[in-house]
Protein backbone atom coordinates (compact mmCIF):
# COMPACT_ATOMS: atom_id res chain seq x y z
CA UNK A 1 -1.96 39.37 21.31
CA UNK A 2 -1.82 38.42 17.70
CA UNK A 3 1.03 38.02 15.22
CA UNK A 4 0.49 39.64 11.81
CA UNK A 5 0.26 37.40 8.73
CA UNK A 6 3.69 38.52 7.53
CA UNK A 7 5.07 37.97 11.08
CA UNK A 8 6.63 41.43 11.33
CA UNK A 9 4.21 42.85 13.93
CA UNK A 10 2.50 41.82 17.15
CA UNK A 11 -0.77 43.50 17.97
CA UNK A 12 -0.57 43.54 21.75
CA UNK A 13 -3.91 45.27 22.27
CA UNK A 14 -6.05 47.96 20.63
CA UNK A 15 -3.53 50.72 21.30
CA UNK A 16 -0.13 48.98 21.15
CA UNK A 17 1.44 47.24 18.16
CA UNK A 18 5.05 46.07 18.23
CA UNK A 19 6.56 46.48 14.75
CA UNK A 20 9.78 45.50 13.03
CA UNK A 21 10.13 41.91 14.21
CA UNK A 22 13.12 40.44 12.32
CA UNK A 23 12.36 37.40 10.16
CA UNK A 24 15.39 35.60 11.67
CA UNK A 25 13.40 35.24 14.92
CA UNK A 26 11.49 32.48 13.16
CA UNK A 27 14.61 30.37 12.68
CA UNK A 28 14.53 29.38 16.37
CA UNK A 29 12.04 26.79 17.58
CA UNK A 30 11.11 25.32 20.95
CA UNK A 31 9.95 21.85 19.99
CA UNK A 32 7.59 22.28 17.06
CA UNK A 33 6.79 26.00 17.61
CA UNK A 34 8.80 29.12 17.11
CA UNK A 35 9.74 30.59 20.51
CA UNK A 36 7.93 33.87 19.85
CA UNK A 37 4.76 32.09 18.72
CA UNK A 38 4.87 29.95 21.87
CA UNK A 39 5.02 33.04 24.09
CA UNK A 40 2.17 34.69 22.19
CA UNK A 41 0.09 31.53 22.57
CA UNK A 42 0.85 31.04 26.27
CA UNK A 43 0.39 34.65 27.35
CA UNK A 44 -3.24 35.10 26.33
CA UNK A 45 -6.04 36.10 28.65
CA UNK A 46 -8.15 32.94 28.82
CA UNK A 47 -11.31 31.93 30.65
CA UNK A 48 -11.77 28.32 31.72
CA UNK A 49 -15.09 27.13 30.28
CA UNK A 50 -16.00 24.93 33.23
CA UNK A 51 -15.01 27.08 36.17
CA UNK A 52 -15.17 30.54 34.66
CA UNK A 53 -11.75 31.30 36.18
CA UNK A 54 -9.89 33.94 34.20
CA UNK A 55 -6.19 33.36 33.59
CA UNK A 56 -4.63 36.77 33.03
CA UNK A 57 -0.83 36.68 32.55
CA UNK A 58 -0.57 40.46 32.93
CA UNK A 59 1.12 41.43 36.17
CA UNK A 60 -0.48 44.41 37.83
CA UNK A 61 2.77 45.20 39.64
CA UNK A 62 4.67 45.28 36.29
CA UNK A 63 2.43 46.40 33.44
CA UNK A 64 5.29 46.15 30.93
CA UNK A 65 6.11 42.52 31.84
CA UNK A 66 4.84 40.86 28.66
CA UNK A 67 6.27 43.53 26.36
CA UNK A 68 9.68 43.11 28.05
CA UNK A 69 9.32 39.31 27.80
CA UNK A 70 8.66 39.57 24.06
CA UNK A 71 11.80 41.69 23.70
CA UNK A 72 13.82 39.09 25.60
CA UNK A 73 12.45 36.22 23.49
CA UNK A 74 13.32 38.11 20.30
CA UNK A 75 16.86 38.74 21.59
CA UNK A 76 17.37 35.11 22.69
CA UNK A 77 16.02 33.84 19.36
CA UNK A 78 18.32 36.09 17.32
CA UNK A 79 21.40 35.36 19.43
CA UNK A 80 20.77 31.60 19.38
CA UNK A 81 20.40 31.59 15.59
CA UNK A 82 23.61 33.62 15.30
CA UNK A 83 25.52 31.16 17.52
CA UNK A 84 24.20 28.09 15.69
CA UNK A 85 25.01 29.60 12.29
CA UNK A 86 28.60 30.23 13.42
CA UNK A 87 29.26 26.71 14.69
CA UNK A 88 31.92 24.89 12.73
CA UNK A 89 30.89 22.21 10.25
CA UNK A 90 31.47 18.81 11.83
CA UNK A 91 31.19 16.98 8.54
CA UNK A 92 28.15 15.02 9.66
CA UNK A 93 25.43 14.09 7.20
CA UNK A 94 22.36 16.32 7.38
């Protein structure tokens, strides 16, 4: 998986690209990374250099798992940003 430079698309593989990612998704962070970027980073097929063990996050019993997860992360990010933006001003210094 790879996020496009303008962050509006995720190339999932050679035949699937998810388009139309709202820019507001990148207003929600988990620590120092945007939630969507964290998922993209964590859900890569990786091979351990020492052992040769392949870590494949794809679930054979649910081939759409990661695509559904990306949809959920986008929804949570958008809803969280909406909630935070609608919180009342507490008059605290920023």
